[in-house]
Amino acid sequence: MHLSYEEHDMVTANTQAVTHAAFLSMGTAWRNSSAYPWETTRYVSGIEVVKVNITLRIYAAKWHVYAGLAILNPSAQKQIQQYARSCTELFKLMVEGREAELAERVWASRNSVFGWEKDEEGGEKDGRAPILLGEDVLDQFSLGQKTEGRGSPNSHLSLLAMVDCWAKLGIRPFEHLEVAGTPVFMLWIGESVKLGDSG
């Protein structure tokens, strides 16, 4: 498939801009708070393991080069601006305790991006495998010593803002996954890697 420069910028932005912004933001937040997930017992299992590993992979793989490609191309600018708005607006709903409005917005974004109805489990649909492993599998891995219970609650603001941003801009990243899905992006939102595949 041959893409023009403009098409390439758009596809790259649609699959990488917001994901890079979100995970770079997580790393920056950990640094500024001097509270690294692998050194504390606050968030040690489940999806936290995925978030930390993807963040570290981005930072470890010449992140400034890839972030530049993902974030600084012209097609990415409106996405970065919308991601910042989504973070701010969702956080405001959380802080103000506007639960019904927050829930309505999150469910609507989920439906817009993934096509899943509110009462539908996110999994097999349109021939796609589930996006992430289930909590029962993820909870087998930990960043540190687990405490009793499931640990501290986490709003997952960065992740919710990612989907909210895509929904607000009418972006469905799956449509461009085969063309411009980086390993990090495919690990986060892409198709599962089948055991035994050599690619």
Protein backbone atom coordinates (compact mmCIF):
# COMPACT_ATOMS: atom_id res chain seq x y z
CA MET A 1 0.00 0.00 0.00
CA HIS A 2 1.44 3.37 -1.04
CA LEU A 3 0.54 6.38 1.06
CA SER A 4 1.05 10.04 0.34
CA TYR A 5 2.96 12.08 2.95
CA GLU A 6 -0.32 13.50 4.23
CA GLU A 7 -1.90 10.04 4.49
CA HIS A 8 1.18 8.70 6.24
CA ASP A 9 1.08 11.54 8.78
CA MET A 10 -2.61 10.96 9.42
CA VAL A 11 -2.28 7.19 9.85
CA THR A 12 0.78 7.60 12.09
CA ALA A 13 -1.02 10.16 14.22
CA ASN A 14 -4.18 8.05 14.49
CA THR A 15 -2.27 5.02 15.78
CA GLN A 16 0.51 6.60 17.81
CA ALA A 17 0.03 10.25 18.85
CA VAL A 18 -2.35 9.85 21.77
CA THR A 19 -0.84 6.59 23.00
CA HIS A 20 2.61 8.18 23.15
CA ALA A 21 1.25 11.29 24.87
CA ALA A 22 -0.54 9.19 27.48
CA PHE A 23 2.37 6.95 28.37
CA LEU A 24 4.92 9.77 28.32
CA SER A 25 2.58 11.64 30.67
CA MET A 26 2.52 8.66 33.03
CA GLY A 27 6.30 8.53 33.13
CA THR A 28 6.51 12.27 33.72
CA ALA A 29 3.97 12.05 36.56
CA TRP A 30 5.91 9.25 38.26
CA ARG A 31 9.12 11.25 37.97
CA ASN A 32 7.62 14.47 39.30
CA SER A 33 6.00 12.71 42.25
CA SER A 34 9.08 10.52 42.89
CA ALA A 35 6.67 7.60 43.23
CA TYR A 36 7.55 4.82 40.81
CA PRO A 37 5.05 1.93 40.58
CA TRP A 38 7.75 -0.72 40.80
CA GLU A 39 9.05 0.80 44.07
CA THR A 40 5.73 1.16 45.88
CA THR A 41 2.91 -1.23 46.74
CA ARG A 42 0.10 1.11 45.72
CA TYR A 43 -0.45 -0.14 42.14
CA VAL A 44 1.31 -3.44 41.51
CA SER A 45 -0.91 -5.80 39.54
CA GLY A 46 -3.52 -6.17 36.83
CA ILE A 47 -3.56 -3.53 34.13
CA GLU A 48 -0.96 -1.55 36.08
CA VAL A 49 1.65 -4.06 34.92
CA VAL A 50 0.71 -3.41 31.29
CA LYS A 51 0.79 0.36 31.76
CA VAL A 52 4.22 0.32 33.40
CA ASN A 53 5.75 -2.05 30.85
CA ILE A 54 4.52 -0.04 27.86
CA THR A 55 5.67 3.22 29.45
CA LEU A 56 9.12 1.81 30.14
CA ARG A 57 9.34 0.35 26.65
CA ILE A 58 8.55 3.73 25.09
CA TYR A 59 11.13 5.51 27.25
CA ALA A 60 13.75 2.82 26.61
CA ALA A 61 13.40 2.78 22.81
CA LYS A 62 14.71 6.20 21.75
CA TRP A 63 11.40 7.67 22.82
CA HIS A 64 12.34 11.16 21.59
CA VAL A 65 12.61 9.86 18.03
CA TYR A 66 9.35 7.95 18.05
CA ALA A 67 7.51 10.60 20.05
CA GLY A 68 8.69 13.14 17.49
CA LEU A 69 7.32 11.03 14.64
CA ALA A 70 4.07 10.37 16.49
CA ILE A 71 3.42 13.73 18.11
CA LEU A 72 5.12 16.40 16.04
CA ASN A 73 3.65 15.64 12.64
CA PRO A 74 0.94 18.10 11.50
CA SER A 75 -1.88 15.56 11.73
CA ALA A 76 -1.13 14.89 15.40
CA GLN A 77 -1.49 18.42 16.74
CA LYS A 78 -5.28 18.44 17.03
CA GLN A 79 -5.12 15.06 18.72
CA ILE A 80 -2.63 16.22 21.34
CA GLN A 81 -4.77 19.28 22.02
CA GLN A 82 -7.92 17.16 22.33
CA TYR A 83 -6.12 14.66 24.58
CA ALA A 84 -5.21 17.51 26.94
CA ARG A 85 -8.83 18.72 26.90
CA SER A 86 -10.10 15.19 27.52
CA CYS A 87 -7.77 14.77 30.52
CA THR A 88 -8.88 18.10 31.98
CA GLU A 89 -12.60 17.57 31.40
CA LEU A 90 -12.68 13.99 32.70
CA PHE A 91 -10.62 14.93 35.75
CA LYS A 92 -13.00 17.80 36.46
CA LEU A 93 -15.98 15.43 36.34
CA MET A 94 -14.17 13.07 38.74
CA VAL A 95 -13.18 15.77 41.22
CA GLU A 96 -16.64 17.35 41.19
CA GLY A 97 -18.25 13.96 41.79
CA ARG A 98 -20.42 14.14 38.66
CA GLU A 99 -20.57 10.36 38.37
CA ALA A 100 -23.56 10.05 36.03
CA GLU A 101 -22.10 12.54 33.55
CA LEU A 102 -18.69 10.87 33.74
CA ALA A 103 -20.15 7.40 33.22
CA GLU A 104 -22.26 8.55 30.27
CA ARG A 105 -19.21 10.11 28.60
CA VAL A 106 -16.98 7.08 29.19
CA TRP A 107 -19.59 4.60 27.91
CA ALA A 108 -20.26 6.74 24.83
CA SER A 109 -16.53 6.94 24.05
CA ARG A 110 -16.16 3.18 24.43
CA ASN A 111 -19.01 2.60 22.01
CA SER A 112 -17.69 5.15 19.50
CA VAL A 113 -14.15 3.76 19.38
CA PHE A 114 -14.66 0.03 19.90
CA GLY A 115 -18.27 -0.46 18.86
CA TRP A 116 -19.23 -2.13 22.15
CA GLU A 117 -22.58 -1.38 23.72
CA LYS A 118 -22.80 -0.49 27.39
CA ASP A 119 -23.98 -3.95 28.48
CA GLU A 120 -21.61 -5.79 26.13
CA GLU A 121 -18.38 -7.37 27.32
CA GLY A 122 -15.32 -6.14 25.43
CA GLY A 123 -14.13 -9.17 23.58
CA GLU A 124 -14.73 -11.08 20.39
CA LYS A 125 -16.41 -8.77 17.90
CA ASP A 126 -16.01 -8.12 14.21
CA GLY A 127 -13.52 -11.00 14.09
CA ARG A 128 -11.16 -9.30 16.56
CA ALA A 129 -9.69 -11.01 19.57
CA PRO A 130 -10.09 -9.36 22.97
CA ILE A 131 -7.92 -6.26 23.24
CA LEU A 132 -6.30 -7.06 26.56
CA LEU A 133 -5.84 -10.14 28.65
CA GLY A 134 -8.42 -10.62 31.39
CA GLU A 135 -7.80 -9.48 34.95
CA ASP A 136 -7.54 -13.11 36.07
CA VAL A 137 -4.47 -13.50 33.85
CA LEU A 138 -3.02 -10.04 34.48
CA ASP A 139 -3.28 -10.51 38.24
CA GLN A 140 -0.82 -13.40 38.00
CA PHE A 141 1.91 -10.82 37.32
CA SER A 142 3.01 -8.20 39.78
CA LEU A 143 5.44 -5.29 40.04
CA GLY A 144 5.95 -5.86 43.74
CA GLN A 145 4.65 -7.50 46.87
CA LYS A 146 0.87 -7.65 46.75
CA THR A 147 -1.07 -6.47 49.77
CA GLU A 148 -4.45 -7.77 50.91
CA GLY A 149 -7.32 -6.93 48.57
CA ARG A 150 -6.90 -5.45 45.10
CA GLY A 151 -4.85 -2.43 46.08
CA SER A 152 -5.69 1.24 45.87
CA PRO A 153 -8.35 2.36 43.39
CA ASN A 154 -7.04 4.09 40.29
CA SER A 155 -9.06 6.35 38.01
CA HIS A 156 -6.98 5.35 34.94
CA LEU A 157 -7.46 8.93 33.77
CA SER A 158 -4.78 8.69 31.05
CA LEU A 159 -6.42 5.62 29.52
CA LEU A 160 -9.94 7.02 29.67
CA ALA A 161 -8.74 10.29 28.14
CA MET A 162 -7.08 8.35 25.32
CA VAL A 163 -10.38 6.77 24.27
CA ASP A 164 -12.33 9.97 24.94
CA CYS A 165 -9.97 11.85 22.62
CA TRP A 166 -10.39 9.32 19.82
CA ALA A 167 -14.17 9.45 20.25
CA LYS A 168 -14.29 13.24 20.15
CA LEU A 169 -12.28 13.27 16.91
CA GLY A 170 -14.07 10.32 15.32
CA ILE A 171 -10.90 8.21 15.19
CA ARG A 172 -11.02 4.41 15.15
CA PRO A 173 -7.38 3.30 15.44
CA PHE A 174 -8.15 -0.28 14.40
CA GLU A 175 -8.72 0.93 10.85
CA HIS A 176 -5.03 1.85 10.51
CA LEU A 177 -3.49 -0.86 12.67
CA GLU A 178 -2.14 -3.02 9.86
CA VAL A 179 -0.54 -0.04 8.11
CA ALA A 180 1.12 1.77 10.98
CA GLY A 181 0.82 -0.26 14.15
CA THR A 182 4.13 -0.13 16.01
CA PRO A 183 4.97 -3.04 18.34
CA VAL A 184 4.15 -0.85 21.35
CA PHE A 185 0.81 0.21 19.89
CA MET A 186 -0.10 -3.33 18.90
CA LEU A 187 0.80 -4.55 22.39
CA TRP A 188 -1.56 -1.98 23.86
CA ILE A 189 -4.54 -1.95 21.54
CA GLY A 190 -3.75 -4.34 18.73
CA GLU A 191 -4.42 -7.87 17.78
CA SER A 192 -3.08 -10.60 20.01
CA VAL A 193 0.17 -12.21 18.93
CA LYS A 194 -0.54 -15.86 18.32
CA LEU A 195 1.71 -18.36 20.05
CA GLY A 196 4.04 -19.95 17.57
CA ASP A 197 4.08 -17.00 15.18
CA SER A 198 7.59 -16.20 14.05
CA GLY A 199 6.82 -12.62 12.96
